[in-house]
Amino acid sequence: MPDLTRALAVALAAGLAFPALAQDDNGDEPEAGALEAPGEDDDGADYIDEEFDDWQRRCFRASDQQDPCEMYQLIEDEEGFPVAEISLVPLPPGQQVAAGATIVTPLETLLPEQITLSIDGGESQRYPFTWCSAAGCVSRVGFTEEEVEALKAGVEVNMRIVPAAAPDQDVDLAISLIGFTAAFNSLEPGEGPQEMPAEEMPEQEAPEPEAPEQDGLGLQD
């Protein structure tokens, strides 16, 4: 639905845009080098450390430790408008889930409809939203080891959200899995950011990512 996704993208550009999308006061795109690593004094600032096809490794400056990193992708509609974003980190072994992801959608998203994900059009799984802030609405997703392997072998994740302004229509998006394996393998389990930036922290404590309630994300028995 191009009109719906365009409306969501306009909402982002109107003040809900993620920091990486921000324009200057004249409406111009950021100058070349705007994504370069910040200076040593910019504690907490994020920067793109490396690119893996459709994924990026985004790191956060930490003055008292090694910069924590995560894999990141800006999710666009078919016309190239930014609609959502996803970040993902591998988790230490011995947990119920092998990877934790954070998906951020615009505030105009209809929360009760949740987020629906499926790998290459396979069995779908719904995930609830955890909280909303000025940056958008957040869903924290946990992937099992089996699901991570399916993501590595897949082509794209089909993502569905529903706009509050048109609850009878869907917005279908694609999360590319090209470069997923290389980006995932470039991270050490547990090295990702431990918490969101202060301006995006919810009032309540955020729960740990939960494993899917169903048998799996697009996996066959």
N, C-alpha and C. Protein backbone atom coordinates (compact mmCIF):
# COMPACT_ATOMS: atom_id res chain seq x y z
N MET A 1 0.83 -1.19 0.00
CA MET A 1 0.00 0.00 0.00
C MET A 1 0.88 1.26 0.00
N PRO A 2 1.32 1.73 -1.16
CA PRO A 2 2.26 2.85 -1.22
C PRO A 2 1.78 4.07 -0.48
N ASP A 3 0.47 4.41 -0.56
CA ASP A 3 -0.01 5.61 0.09
C ASP A 3 0.13 5.52 1.60
N LEU A 4 -0.13 4.35 2.16
CA LEU A 4 -0.03 4.18 3.60
C LEU A 4 1.41 4.25 4.06
N THR A 5 2.29 3.56 3.34
CA THR A 5 3.69 3.60 3.74
C THR A 5 4.27 4.98 3.56
N ARG A 6 3.81 5.70 2.54
CA ARG A 6 4.26 7.08 2.36
C ARG A 6 3.81 7.94 3.54
N ALA A 7 2.59 7.71 4.01
CA ALA A 7 2.08 8.47 5.15
C ALA A 7 2.92 8.20 6.39
N LEU A 8 3.31 6.95 6.59
CA LEU A 8 4.15 6.63 7.74
C LEU A 8 5.51 7.28 7.59
N ALA A 9 6.04 7.28 6.37
CA ALA A 9 7.34 7.90 6.15
C ALA A 9 7.27 9.40 6.40
N VAL A 10 6.18 10.04 5.97
CA VAL A 10 6.01 11.47 6.21
C VAL A 10 5.97 11.75 7.70
N ALA A 11 5.34 10.86 8.46
CA ALA A 11 5.29 11.04 9.91
C ALA A 11 6.69 11.01 10.50
N LEU A 12 7.53 10.14 9.97
CA LEU A 12 8.91 10.10 10.43
C LEU A 12 9.62 11.41 10.12
N ALA A 13 9.48 11.86 8.89
CA ALA A 13 10.17 13.08 8.47
C ALA A 13 9.66 14.30 9.20
N ALA A 14 8.44 14.23 9.74
CA ALA A 14 7.86 15.38 10.41
C ALA A 14 8.33 15.54 11.85
N GLY A 15 9.21 14.68 12.30
CA GLY A 15 9.74 14.85 13.64
C GLY A 15 9.94 13.57 14.38
N LEU A 16 9.50 12.45 13.79
CA LEU A 16 9.68 11.16 14.44
C LEU A 16 10.82 10.39 13.81
N ALA A 17 11.56 11.05 12.93
CA ALA A 17 12.62 10.35 12.22
C ALA A 17 13.70 9.90 13.18
N PHE A 18 14.33 8.79 12.84
CA PHE A 18 15.44 8.29 13.63
C PHE A 18 16.63 9.22 13.43
N PRO A 19 17.56 9.29 14.40
CA PRO A 19 18.68 10.24 14.30
C PRO A 19 19.44 10.15 12.99
N ALA A 20 19.63 8.95 12.46
CA ALA A 20 20.41 8.80 11.24
C ALA A 20 19.73 9.44 10.04
N LEU A 21 18.41 9.72 10.15
CA LEU A 21 17.68 10.27 9.02
C LEU A 21 17.54 11.78 9.11
N ALA A 22 17.96 12.36 10.19
CA ALA A 22 17.71 13.78 10.43
C ALA A 22 18.38 14.63 9.36
N GLN A 23 17.70 15.71 8.93
CA GLN A 23 18.27 16.66 8.01
C GLN A 23 18.67 17.91 8.78
N ASP A 24 19.45 18.75 8.11
CA ASP A 24 19.84 19.98 8.79
C ASP A 24 18.70 20.98 8.70
N ASP A 25 18.91 22.17 9.26
CA ASP A 25 17.85 23.17 9.35
C ASP A 25 17.38 23.65 8.00
N ASN A 26 18.21 23.50 6.95
CA ASN A 26 17.83 23.94 5.63
C ASN A 26 17.13 22.85 4.82
N GLY A 27 16.93 21.68 5.46
CA GLY A 27 16.27 20.58 4.77
C GLY A 27 17.20 19.79 3.87
N ASP A 28 18.52 20.07 3.95
CA ASP A 28 19.48 19.36 3.11
C ASP A 28 19.88 18.05 3.77
N GLU A 29 20.37 17.14 2.95
CA GLU A 29 20.86 15.88 3.49
C GLU A 29 22.16 16.14 4.27
N PRO A 30 22.48 15.26 5.22
CA PRO A 30 23.73 15.44 5.96
C PRO A 30 24.92 15.43 5.02
N GLU A 31 25.94 16.20 5.35
CA GLU A 31 27.12 16.28 4.52
C GLU A 31 27.88 14.96 4.56
N ALA A 32 28.72 14.75 3.54
CA ALA A 32 29.53 13.55 3.50
C ALA A 32 30.38 13.49 4.76
N GLY A 33 30.49 12.28 5.31
CA GLY A 33 31.26 12.12 6.53
C GLY A 33 30.43 12.23 7.78
N ALA A 34 29.11 12.49 7.62
CA ALA A 34 28.25 12.65 8.79
C ALA A 34 28.13 11.37 9.58
N LEU A 35 28.38 10.22 8.92
CA LEU A 35 28.27 8.94 9.60
C LEU A 35 29.62 8.44 10.08
N GLU A 36 30.64 9.28 10.01
CA GLU A 36 31.95 8.86 10.49
C GLU A 36 31.93 8.71 12.00
N ALA A 37 32.87 7.93 12.49
CA ALA A 37 32.96 7.70 13.92
C ALA A 37 33.15 9.01 14.66
N PRO A 38 32.41 9.23 15.76
CA PRO A 38 32.53 10.49 16.49
C PRO A 38 33.85 10.55 17.24
N GLY A 39 34.12 11.73 17.80
CA GLY A 39 35.35 11.91 18.56
C GLY A 39 35.33 11.13 19.86
N GLU A 40 36.49 11.05 20.49
CA GLU A 40 36.61 10.26 21.71
C GLU A 40 35.74 10.81 22.84
N ASP A 41 35.42 12.08 22.80
CA ASP A 41 34.64 12.69 23.88
C ASP A 41 33.14 12.52 23.71
N ASP A 42 32.70 12.03 22.55
CA ASP A 42 31.27 11.89 22.28
C ASP A 42 30.75 10.57 22.83
N ASP A 43 30.76 10.43 24.13
CA ASP A 43 30.34 9.18 24.76
C ASP A 43 28.87 8.91 24.47
N GLY A 44 28.57 7.70 24.00
CA GLY A 44 27.20 7.32 23.70
C GLY A 44 26.78 7.59 22.27
N ALA A 45 27.58 8.32 21.50
CA ALA A 45 27.23 8.60 20.11
C ALA A 45 27.36 7.33 19.28
N ASP A 46 26.48 7.19 18.29
CA ASP A 46 26.54 5.99 17.44
C ASP A 46 27.22 6.32 16.13
N TYR A 47 27.80 5.30 15.52
CA TYR A 47 28.46 5.44 14.23
C TYR A 47 28.44 4.10 13.52
N ILE A 48 28.55 4.13 12.20
CA ILE A 48 28.58 2.93 11.40
C ILE A 48 30.02 2.45 11.29
N ASP A 49 30.26 1.27 11.82
CA ASP A 49 31.61 0.73 11.86
C ASP A 49 31.97 -0.03 10.59
N GLU A 50 30.99 -0.78 10.05
CA GLU A 50 31.24 -1.57 8.85
C GLU A 50 29.91 -1.92 8.19
N GLU A 51 29.93 -2.15 6.88
CA GLU A 51 28.73 -2.51 6.16
C GLU A 51 28.86 -3.93 5.60
N PHE A 52 27.76 -4.66 5.64
CA PHE A 52 27.69 -6.02 5.12
C PHE A 52 26.49 -6.10 4.18
N ASP A 53 26.66 -5.71 2.94
CA ASP A 53 25.57 -5.66 1.97
C ASP A 53 24.43 -4.80 2.53
N ASP A 54 23.28 -5.40 2.84
CA ASP A 54 22.12 -4.62 3.29
C ASP A 54 22.09 -4.39 4.79
N TRP A 55 23.11 -4.86 5.50
CA TRP A 55 23.19 -4.65 6.95
C TRP A 55 24.41 -3.80 7.29
N GLN A 56 24.31 -3.11 8.41
CA GLN A 56 25.43 -2.32 8.92
C GLN A 56 25.74 -2.74 10.35
N ARG A 57 27.00 -2.61 10.72
CA ARG A 57 27.36 -2.79 12.13
C ARG A 57 27.44 -1.40 12.74
N ARG A 58 26.50 -1.13 13.64
CA ARG A 58 26.42 0.18 14.30
C ARG A 58 26.98 0.06 15.71
N CYS A 59 27.88 0.95 16.03
CA CYS A 59 28.53 0.91 17.34
C CYS A 59 28.22 2.19 18.11
N PHE A 60 28.45 2.13 19.41
CA PHE A 60 28.19 3.25 20.30
C PHE A 60 29.46 3.56 21.10
N ARG A 61 29.85 4.84 21.05
CA ARG A 61 31.07 5.24 21.71
C ARG A 61 30.96 5.05 23.22
N ALA A 62 31.93 4.35 23.79
CA ALA A 62 31.98 4.12 25.24
C ALA A 62 33.38 4.43 25.73
N SER A 63 33.50 5.45 26.55
CA SER A 63 34.82 5.91 26.98
C SER A 63 35.49 4.95 27.95
N ASP A 64 34.69 4.15 28.67
CA ASP A 64 35.26 3.31 29.71
C ASP A 64 35.33 1.83 29.34
N GLN A 65 35.03 1.50 28.07
CA GLN A 65 35.07 0.11 27.65
C GLN A 65 35.10 0.04 26.12
N GLN A 66 35.22 -1.17 25.58
CA GLN A 66 35.16 -1.33 24.14
C GLN A 66 33.77 -0.94 23.64
N ASP A 67 33.73 -0.24 22.51
CA ASP A 67 32.45 0.23 21.98
C ASP A 67 31.53 -0.96 21.69
N PRO A 68 30.34 -1.01 22.29
CA PRO A 68 29.40 -2.09 21.98
C PRO A 68 28.79 -1.87 20.60
N CYS A 69 28.53 -2.97 19.89
CA CYS A 69 28.02 -2.87 18.52
C CYS A 69 26.80 -3.77 18.33
N GLU A 70 26.03 -3.46 17.31
CA GLU A 70 24.86 -4.25 16.93
C GLU A 70 24.74 -4.22 15.42
N MET A 71 24.01 -5.16 14.85
CA MET A 71 23.74 -5.11 13.43
C MET A 71 22.44 -4.35 13.22
N TYR A 72 22.38 -3.60 12.11
CA TYR A 72 21.30 -2.61 11.96
C TYR A 72 20.87 -2.54 10.50
N GLN A 73 19.56 -2.32 10.30
CA GLN A 73 19.05 -2.08 8.94
C GLN A 73 17.88 -1.10 9.01
N LEU A 74 17.91 -0.11 8.15
CA LEU A 74 16.79 0.80 7.98
C LEU A 74 15.81 0.15 7.01
N ILE A 75 14.56 0.04 7.40
CA ILE A 75 13.56 -0.66 6.60
C ILE A 75 12.79 0.35 5.77
N GLU A 76 12.83 0.18 4.45
CA GLU A 76 12.17 1.11 3.54
C GLU A 76 11.02 0.43 2.81
N ASP A 77 10.09 1.23 2.29
CA ASP A 77 9.02 0.66 1.48
C ASP A 77 9.51 0.49 0.05
N GLU A 78 8.61 0.07 -0.84
CA GLU A 78 9.00 -0.20 -2.22
C GLU A 78 9.47 1.05 -2.95
N GLU A 79 9.08 2.22 -2.48
CA GLU A 79 9.47 3.46 -3.13
C GLU A 79 10.69 4.11 -2.48
N GLY A 80 11.28 3.42 -1.51
CA GLY A 80 12.48 3.91 -0.87
C GLY A 80 12.26 4.84 0.30
N PHE A 81 11.02 4.95 0.79
CA PHE A 81 10.75 5.78 1.95
C PHE A 81 11.06 5.01 3.23
N PRO A 82 11.79 5.60 4.17
CA PRO A 82 12.07 4.91 5.44
C PRO A 82 10.81 4.78 6.28
N VAL A 83 10.54 3.58 6.76
CA VAL A 83 9.32 3.32 7.52
C VAL A 83 9.62 2.80 8.91
N ALA A 84 10.67 1.99 9.06
CA ALA A 84 10.98 1.37 10.35
C ALA A 84 12.47 1.07 10.39
N GLU A 85 12.93 0.51 11.50
CA GLU A 85 14.32 0.09 11.60
C GLU A 85 14.40 -1.13 12.51
N ILE A 86 15.46 -1.92 12.30
CA ILE A 86 15.68 -3.10 13.12
C ILE A 86 17.15 -3.16 13.52
N SER A 87 17.40 -3.50 14.77
CA SER A 87 18.76 -3.77 15.25
C SER A 87 18.74 -5.13 15.93
N LEU A 88 19.86 -5.84 15.86
CA LEU A 88 19.90 -7.21 16.38
C LEU A 88 21.28 -7.50 16.92
N VAL A 89 21.32 -8.29 18.01
CA VAL A 89 22.59 -8.71 18.60
C VAL A 89 22.50 -10.18 18.98
N PRO A 90 23.60 -10.92 18.83
CA PRO A 90 23.63 -12.29 19.34
C PRO A 90 23.72 -12.28 20.86
N LEU A 91 23.08 -13.24 21.50
CA LEU A 91 23.08 -13.32 22.95
C LEU A 91 23.98 -14.46 23.43
N PRO A 92 24.50 -14.38 24.66
CA PRO A 92 25.37 -15.44 25.19
C PRO A 92 24.66 -16.79 25.18
N PRO A 93 25.40 -17.88 25.00
CA PRO A 93 24.78 -19.21 24.98
C PRO A 93 24.16 -19.55 26.34
N GLY A 94 23.26 -20.52 26.31
CA GLY A 94 22.61 -20.96 27.54
C GLY A 94 21.31 -20.27 27.84
N GLN A 95 20.88 -19.35 26.96
CA GLN A 95 19.61 -18.66 27.16
C GLN A 95 18.53 -19.27 26.26
N GLN A 96 17.29 -18.91 26.52
CA GLN A 96 16.18 -19.44 25.74
C GLN A 96 16.23 -18.96 24.30
N VAL A 97 16.74 -17.77 24.08
CA VAL A 97 16.86 -17.23 22.73
C VAL A 97 18.33 -16.98 22.41
N ALA A 98 18.66 -17.07 21.11
CA ALA A 98 20.04 -16.92 20.68
C ALA A 98 20.35 -15.52 20.19
N ALA A 99 19.33 -14.74 19.90
CA ALA A 99 19.53 -13.37 19.42
C ALA A 99 18.35 -12.52 19.86
N GLY A 100 18.63 -11.26 20.12
CA GLY A 100 17.60 -10.32 20.50
C GLY A 100 17.54 -9.18 19.50
N ALA A 101 16.35 -8.84 19.05
CA ALA A 101 16.17 -7.77 18.07
C ALA A 101 15.25 -6.70 18.62
N THR A 102 15.47 -5.48 18.18
CA THR A 102 14.60 -4.35 18.50
C THR A 102 14.09 -3.76 17.20
N ILE A 103 12.78 -3.72 17.03
CA ILE A 103 12.16 -3.15 15.85
C ILE A 103 11.43 -1.88 16.27
N VAL A 104 11.68 -0.79 15.55
CA VAL A 104 11.04 0.50 15.85
C VAL A 104 10.18 0.90 14.67
N THR A 105 8.92 1.22 14.94
CA THR A 105 7.98 1.67 13.92
C THR A 105 7.45 3.04 14.31
N PRO A 106 6.79 3.77 13.39
CA PRO A 106 6.26 5.09 13.72
C PRO A 106 5.17 5.04 14.78
N LEU A 107 4.93 6.17 15.43
CA LEU A 107 3.89 6.26 16.45
C LEU A 107 2.50 6.00 15.88
N GLU A 108 2.33 6.16 14.58
CA GLU A 108 1.04 5.95 13.95
C GLU A 108 0.68 4.47 13.78
N THR A 109 1.54 3.57 14.26
CA THR A 109 1.28 2.14 14.15
C THR A 109 0.16 1.72 15.10
N LEU A 110 -0.73 0.84 14.64
CA LEU A 110 -1.81 0.32 15.47
C LEU A 110 -1.25 -0.79 16.36
N LEU A 111 -1.07 -0.51 17.64
CA LEU A 111 -0.36 -1.41 18.54
C LEU A 111 -1.04 -2.76 18.75
N PRO A 112 -2.37 -2.84 18.91
CA PRO A 112 -3.00 -4.15 19.14
C PRO A 112 -2.76 -5.16 18.02
N GLU A 113 -2.49 -4.66 16.81
CA GLU A 113 -2.25 -5.56 15.68
C GLU A 113 -0.85 -6.16 15.70
N GLN A 114 0.02 -5.61 16.55
CA GLN A 114 1.36 -6.14 16.74
C GLN A 114 2.17 -6.09 15.43
N ILE A 115 3.33 -6.76 15.44
CA ILE A 115 4.17 -6.89 14.25
C ILE A 115 4.13 -8.34 13.82
N THR A 116 3.92 -8.57 12.53
CA THR A 116 3.91 -9.93 12.00
C THR A 116 5.16 -10.13 11.15
N LEU A 117 5.90 -11.21 11.43
CA LEU A 117 7.12 -11.54 10.71
C LEU A 117 7.04 -12.94 10.13
N SER A 118 7.62 -13.12 8.96
CA SER A 118 7.78 -14.46 8.40
C SER A 118 9.01 -14.45 7.51
N ILE A 119 9.68 -15.59 7.44
CA ILE A 119 10.88 -15.72 6.62
C ILE A 119 10.50 -16.24 5.25
N ASP A 120 10.77 -15.45 4.22
CA ASP A 120 10.51 -15.86 2.84
C ASP A 120 9.07 -16.35 2.64
N GLY A 121 8.12 -15.69 3.29
CA GLY A 121 6.73 -16.04 3.10
C GLY A 121 6.28 -17.30 3.81
N GLY A 122 7.09 -17.82 4.73
CA GLY A 122 6.73 -19.03 5.47
C GLY A 122 5.74 -18.73 6.59
N GLU A 123 5.70 -19.61 7.56
CA GLU A 123 4.78 -19.44 8.69
C GLU A 123 5.07 -18.12 9.41
N SER A 124 4.02 -17.40 9.72
CA SER A 124 4.18 -16.09 10.34
C SER A 124 4.09 -16.17 11.85
N GLN A 125 4.70 -15.20 12.49
CA GLN A 125 4.70 -15.08 13.95
C GLN A 125 4.44 -13.64 14.33
N ARG A 126 3.59 -13.41 15.31
CA ARG A 126 3.26 -12.05 15.75
C ARG A 126 4.02 -11.72 17.03
N TYR A 127 4.48 -10.46 17.12
CA TYR A 127 5.23 -9.99 18.27
C TYR A 127 4.59 -8.70 18.79
N PRO A 128 4.40 -8.58 20.10
CA PRO A 128 3.76 -7.38 20.65
C PRO A 128 4.73 -6.21 20.73
N PHE A 129 4.18 -5.03 20.84
CA PHE A 129 4.97 -3.84 21.11
C PHE A 129 5.23 -3.74 22.61
N THR A 130 6.39 -3.22 22.96
CA THR A 130 6.79 -3.12 24.36
C THR A 130 6.51 -1.75 24.93
N TRP A 131 6.81 -0.70 24.17
CA TRP A 131 6.55 0.66 24.61
C TRP A 131 6.65 1.60 23.41
N CYS A 132 6.21 2.84 23.61
CA CYS A 132 6.37 3.89 22.61
C CYS A 132 7.04 5.09 23.27
N SER A 133 7.84 5.79 22.50
CA SER A 133 8.48 7.02 22.95
C SER A 133 8.50 7.98 21.78
N ALA A 134 9.17 9.10 21.92
CA ALA A 134 9.23 10.08 20.84
C ALA A 134 9.88 9.50 19.60
N ALA A 135 10.72 8.46 19.77
CA ALA A 135 11.41 7.87 18.62
C ALA A 135 10.53 6.92 17.83
N GLY A 136 9.42 6.47 18.42
CA GLY A 136 8.55 5.53 17.74
C GLY A 136 8.09 4.46 18.71
N CYS A 137 7.49 3.40 18.17
CA CYS A 137 6.99 2.29 18.98
C CYS A 137 7.94 1.10 18.82
N VAL A 138 8.24 0.47 19.94
CA VAL A 138 9.31 -0.53 20.01
C VAL A 138 8.74 -1.92 20.26
N SER A 139 9.23 -2.88 19.51
CA SER A 139 8.94 -4.29 19.75
C SER A 139 10.27 -5.01 19.96
N ARG A 140 10.37 -5.74 21.05
CA ARG A 140 11.59 -6.51 21.33
C ARG A 140 11.31 -7.96 21.02
N VAL A 141 12.14 -8.53 20.15
CA VAL A 141 11.90 -9.86 19.60
C VAL A 141 13.05 -10.78 19.96
N GLY A 142 12.74 -11.99 20.38
CA GLY A 142 13.75 -12.99 20.64
C GLY A 142 13.71 -14.09 19.59
N PHE A 143 14.87 -14.45 19.04
CA PHE A 143 14.97 -15.51 18.05
C PHE A 143 15.72 -16.70 18.63
N THR A 144 15.16 -17.88 18.46
CA THR A 144 15.83 -19.09 18.91
C THR A 144 17.00 -19.41 17.98
N GLU A 145 17.83 -20.37 18.38
CA GLU A 145 18.96 -20.77 17.55
C GLU A 145 18.49 -21.28 16.19
N GLU A 146 17.40 -22.04 16.18
CA GLU A 146 16.86 -22.56 14.94
C GLU A 146 16.39 -21.42 14.03
N GLU A 147 15.79 -20.42 14.62
CA GLU A 147 15.33 -19.28 13.83
C GLU A 147 16.49 -18.47 13.29
N VAL A 148 17.55 -18.32 14.08
CA VAL A 148 18.74 -17.60 13.59
C VAL A 148 19.32 -18.31 12.38
N GLU A 149 19.37 -19.65 12.42
CA GLU A 149 19.88 -20.39 11.27
C GLU A 149 18.98 -20.19 10.06
N ALA A 150 17.67 -20.12 10.28
CA ALA A 150 16.74 -19.87 9.17
C ALA A 150 16.95 -18.47 8.60
N LEU A 151 17.23 -17.50 9.46
CA LEU A 151 17.51 -16.14 9.00
C LEU A 151 18.78 -16.11 8.14
N LYS A 152 19.78 -16.86 8.56
CA LYS A 152 21.03 -16.92 7.80
C LYS A 152 20.82 -17.53 6.42
N ALA A 153 19.90 -18.48 6.34
CA ALA A 153 19.66 -19.17 5.07
C ALA A 153 18.60 -18.48 4.20
N GLY A 154 17.92 -17.48 4.75
CA GLY A 154 16.81 -16.85 4.04
C GLY A 154 17.24 -15.72 3.12
N VAL A 155 16.23 -15.20 2.41
CA VAL A 155 16.44 -14.08 1.49
C VAL A 155 15.90 -12.79 2.09
N GLU A 156 14.72 -12.86 2.71
CA GLU A 156 14.15 -11.68 3.33
C GLU A 156 13.13 -12.08 4.39
N VAL A 157 12.90 -11.18 5.33
CA VAL A 157 11.84 -11.33 6.31
C VAL A 157 10.69 -10.44 5.88
N ASN A 158 9.53 -11.04 5.75
CA ASN A 158 8.33 -10.27 5.42
C ASN A 158 7.76 -9.71 6.71
N MET A 159 7.59 -8.40 6.76
CA MET A 159 7.12 -7.71 7.96
C MET A 159 5.82 -6.98 7.67
N ARG A 160 4.86 -7.13 8.56
CA ARG A 160 3.56 -6.50 8.39
C ARG A 160 3.22 -5.67 9.62
N ILE A 161 2.84 -4.42 9.40
CA ILE A 161 2.30 -3.56 10.45
C ILE A 161 1.00 -2.95 9.94
N VAL A 162 0.22 -2.40 10.85
CA VAL A 162 -1.07 -1.82 10.49
C VAL A 162 -1.10 -0.37 10.97
N PRO A 163 -1.39 0.58 10.09
CA PRO A 163 -1.46 1.98 10.51
C PRO A 163 -2.74 2.27 11.27
N ALA A 164 -2.65 3.07 12.32
CA ALA A 164 -3.83 3.40 13.11
C ALA A 164 -4.85 4.18 12.29
N ALA A 165 -4.40 4.94 11.30
CA ALA A 165 -5.30 5.75 10.49
C ALA A 165 -6.12 4.91 9.52
N ALA A 166 -5.64 3.68 9.24
CA ALA A 166 -6.35 2.80 8.31
C ALA A 166 -6.26 1.37 8.82
N PRO A 167 -6.97 1.06 9.90
CA PRO A 167 -6.83 -0.25 10.55
C PRO A 167 -7.29 -1.43 9.70
N ASP A 168 -7.96 -1.17 8.59
CA ASP A 168 -8.42 -2.25 7.72
C ASP A 168 -7.42 -2.55 6.61
N GLN A 169 -6.26 -1.91 6.63
CA GLN A 169 -5.26 -2.12 5.60
C GLN A 169 -3.91 -2.41 6.25
N ASP A 170 -3.08 -3.14 5.50
CA ASP A 170 -1.77 -3.53 6.00
C ASP A 170 -0.66 -2.75 5.30
N VAL A 171 0.46 -2.62 6.00
CA VAL A 171 1.68 -2.12 5.38
C VAL A 171 2.67 -3.27 5.38
N ASP A 172 3.00 -3.76 4.21
CA ASP A 172 3.92 -4.89 4.05
C ASP A 172 5.31 -4.38 3.70
N LEU A 173 6.28 -4.81 4.48
CA LEU A 173 7.66 -4.37 4.30
C LEU A 173 8.57 -5.59 4.18
N ALA A 174 9.76 -5.37 3.67
CA ALA A 174 10.73 -6.45 3.52
C ALA A 174 12.02 -6.09 4.24
N ILE A 175 12.47 -6.99 5.10
CA ILE A 175 13.77 -6.86 5.75
C ILE A 175 14.73 -7.77 5.01
N SER A 176 15.68 -7.19 4.32
CA SER A 176 16.61 -7.99 3.53
C SER A 176 17.52 -8.81 4.45
N LEU A 177 17.78 -10.04 4.04
CA LEU A 177 18.71 -10.91 4.77
C LEU A 177 20.04 -11.05 4.04
N ILE A 178 20.24 -10.24 3.00
CA ILE A 178 21.52 -10.24 2.29
C ILE A 178 22.57 -9.59 3.20
N GLY A 179 23.58 -10.32 3.53
CA GLY A 179 24.60 -9.82 4.45
C GLY A 179 24.33 -10.14 5.90
N PHE A 180 23.19 -10.79 6.17
CA PHE A 180 22.83 -11.08 7.56
C PHE A 180 23.88 -11.95 8.25
N THR A 181 24.28 -13.04 7.58
CA THR A 181 25.22 -13.97 8.21
C THR A 181 26.55 -13.29 8.54
N ALA A 182 27.08 -12.52 7.59
CA ALA A 182 28.37 -11.85 7.82
C ALA A 182 28.26 -10.84 8.95
N ALA A 183 27.16 -10.09 8.98
CA ALA A 183 26.97 -9.10 10.04
C ALA A 183 26.82 -9.79 11.40
N PHE A 184 26.03 -10.86 11.43
CA PHE A 184 25.81 -11.58 12.69
C PHE A 184 27.12 -12.19 13.21
N ASN A 185 27.89 -12.79 12.31
CA ASN A 185 29.14 -13.44 12.72
C ASN A 185 30.21 -12.43 13.10
N SER A 186 30.03 -11.17 12.74
CA SER A 186 31.03 -10.15 13.09
C SER A 186 30.89 -9.68 14.53
N LEU A 187 29.80 -10.08 15.19
CA LEU A 187 29.54 -9.65 16.56
C LEU A 187 29.81 -10.77 17.55
N GLU A 188 30.32 -10.40 18.70
CA GLU A 188 30.50 -11.36 19.79
C GLU A 188 29.22 -11.42 20.62
N PRO A 189 28.78 -12.61 21.01
CA PRO A 189 27.57 -12.71 21.83
C PRO A 189 27.67 -11.87 23.10
N GLY A 190 26.66 -11.05 23.33
CA GLY A 190 26.63 -10.23 24.53
C GLY A 190 27.35 -8.91 24.42
N GLU A 191 27.92 -8.58 23.24
CA GLU A 191 28.68 -7.34 23.12
C GLU A 191 27.80 -6.15 22.76
N GLY A 192 26.53 -6.39 22.45
CA GLY A 192 25.65 -5.31 22.03
C GLY A 192 25.35 -4.34 23.14
N PRO A 193 24.73 -3.20 22.79
CA PRO A 193 24.35 -2.20 23.79
C PRO A 193 23.46 -2.82 24.86
N GLN A 194 23.70 -2.48 26.10
CA GLN A 194 22.94 -3.05 27.21
C GLN A 194 21.65 -2.33 27.47
N GLU A 195 21.52 -1.09 26.99
CA GLU A 195 20.30 -0.34 27.19
C GLU A 195 20.17 0.70 26.09
N MET A 196 18.96 1.21 25.94
CA MET A 196 18.72 2.22 24.93
C MET A 196 19.25 3.57 25.39
N PRO A 197 19.51 4.49 24.46
CA PRO A 197 19.90 5.84 24.85
C PRO A 197 18.87 6.45 25.78
N ALA A 198 19.30 7.36 26.63
CA ALA A 198 18.43 7.91 27.68
C ALA A 198 17.15 8.50 27.13
N GLU A 199 17.24 9.18 25.96
CA GLU A 199 16.05 9.83 25.43
C GLU A 199 15.04 8.84 24.90
N GLU A 200 15.44 7.56 24.75
CA GLU A 200 14.52 6.56 24.22
C GLU A 200 14.10 5.54 25.29
N MET A 201 14.59 5.70 26.51
CA MET A 201 14.25 4.76 27.56
C MET A 201 12.80 4.91 27.96
N PRO A 202 12.08 3.81 28.15
CA PRO A 202 10.69 3.89 28.60
C PRO A 202 10.62 4.19 30.08
N GLU A 203 9.45 4.58 30.52
CA GLU A 203 9.28 4.86 31.94
C GLU A 203 9.38 3.58 32.77
N GLN A 204 8.84 2.47 32.22
CA GLN A 204 8.92 1.22 32.93
C GLN A 204 10.15 0.45 32.48
N GLU A 205 10.56 -0.53 33.29
CA GLU A 205 11.71 -1.34 32.95
C GLU A 205 11.37 -2.23 31.76
N ALA A 206 12.28 -2.32 30.81
CA ALA A 206 12.01 -3.11 29.61
C ALA A 206 12.25 -4.58 29.90
N PRO A 207 11.34 -5.45 29.48
CA PRO A 207 11.52 -6.88 29.70
C PRO A 207 12.57 -7.45 28.76
N GLU A 208 13.07 -8.64 29.08
CA GLU A 208 13.99 -9.31 28.20
C GLU A 208 13.24 -9.82 26.98
N PRO A 209 13.94 -9.98 25.82
CA PRO A 209 13.26 -10.50 24.64
C PRO A 209 12.66 -11.86 24.93
N GLU A 210 11.46 -12.10 24.40
CA GLU A 210 10.78 -13.35 24.64
C GLU A 210 10.86 -14.25 23.42
N ALA A 211 10.89 -15.55 23.67
CA ALA A 211 10.86 -16.51 22.57
C ALA A 211 9.46 -16.53 21.98
N PRO A 212 9.34 -16.88 20.70
CA PRO A 212 8.02 -16.93 20.08
C PRO A 212 7.11 -17.89 20.80
N GLU A 213 5.80 -17.56 20.85
CA GLU A 213 4.84 -18.41 21.51
C GLU A 213 4.50 -19.61 20.65
N GLN A 214 4.63 -19.48 19.32
CA GLN A 214 4.31 -20.57 18.43
C GLN A 214 5.54 -21.42 18.16
N ASP A 215 5.44 -22.33 17.19
CA ASP A 215 6.49 -23.30 16.96
C ASP A 215 7.72 -22.71 16.30
N GLY A 216 7.61 -21.56 15.70
CA GLY A 216 8.79 -20.99 15.09
C GLY A 216 8.42 -19.94 14.06
N LEU A 217 9.43 -19.18 13.64
CA LEU A 217 9.23 -18.09 12.69
C LEU A 217 9.49 -18.63 11.28
N GLY A 218 8.41 -19.02 10.62
CA GLY A 218 8.54 -19.48 9.24
C GLY A 218 9.28 -20.79 9.11
N LEU A 219 9.35 -21.60 10.18
CA LEU A 219 10.06 -22.87 10.12
C LEU A 219 9.08 -24.01 9.92
N GLN A 220 9.50 -25.00 9.21
CA GLN A 220 8.67 -26.16 8.96
C GLN A 220 9.07 -27.31 9.87
N ASP A 221 8.10 -28.12 10.27
CA ASP A 221 8.41 -29.27 11.11
C ASP A 221 9.21 -30.32 10.33
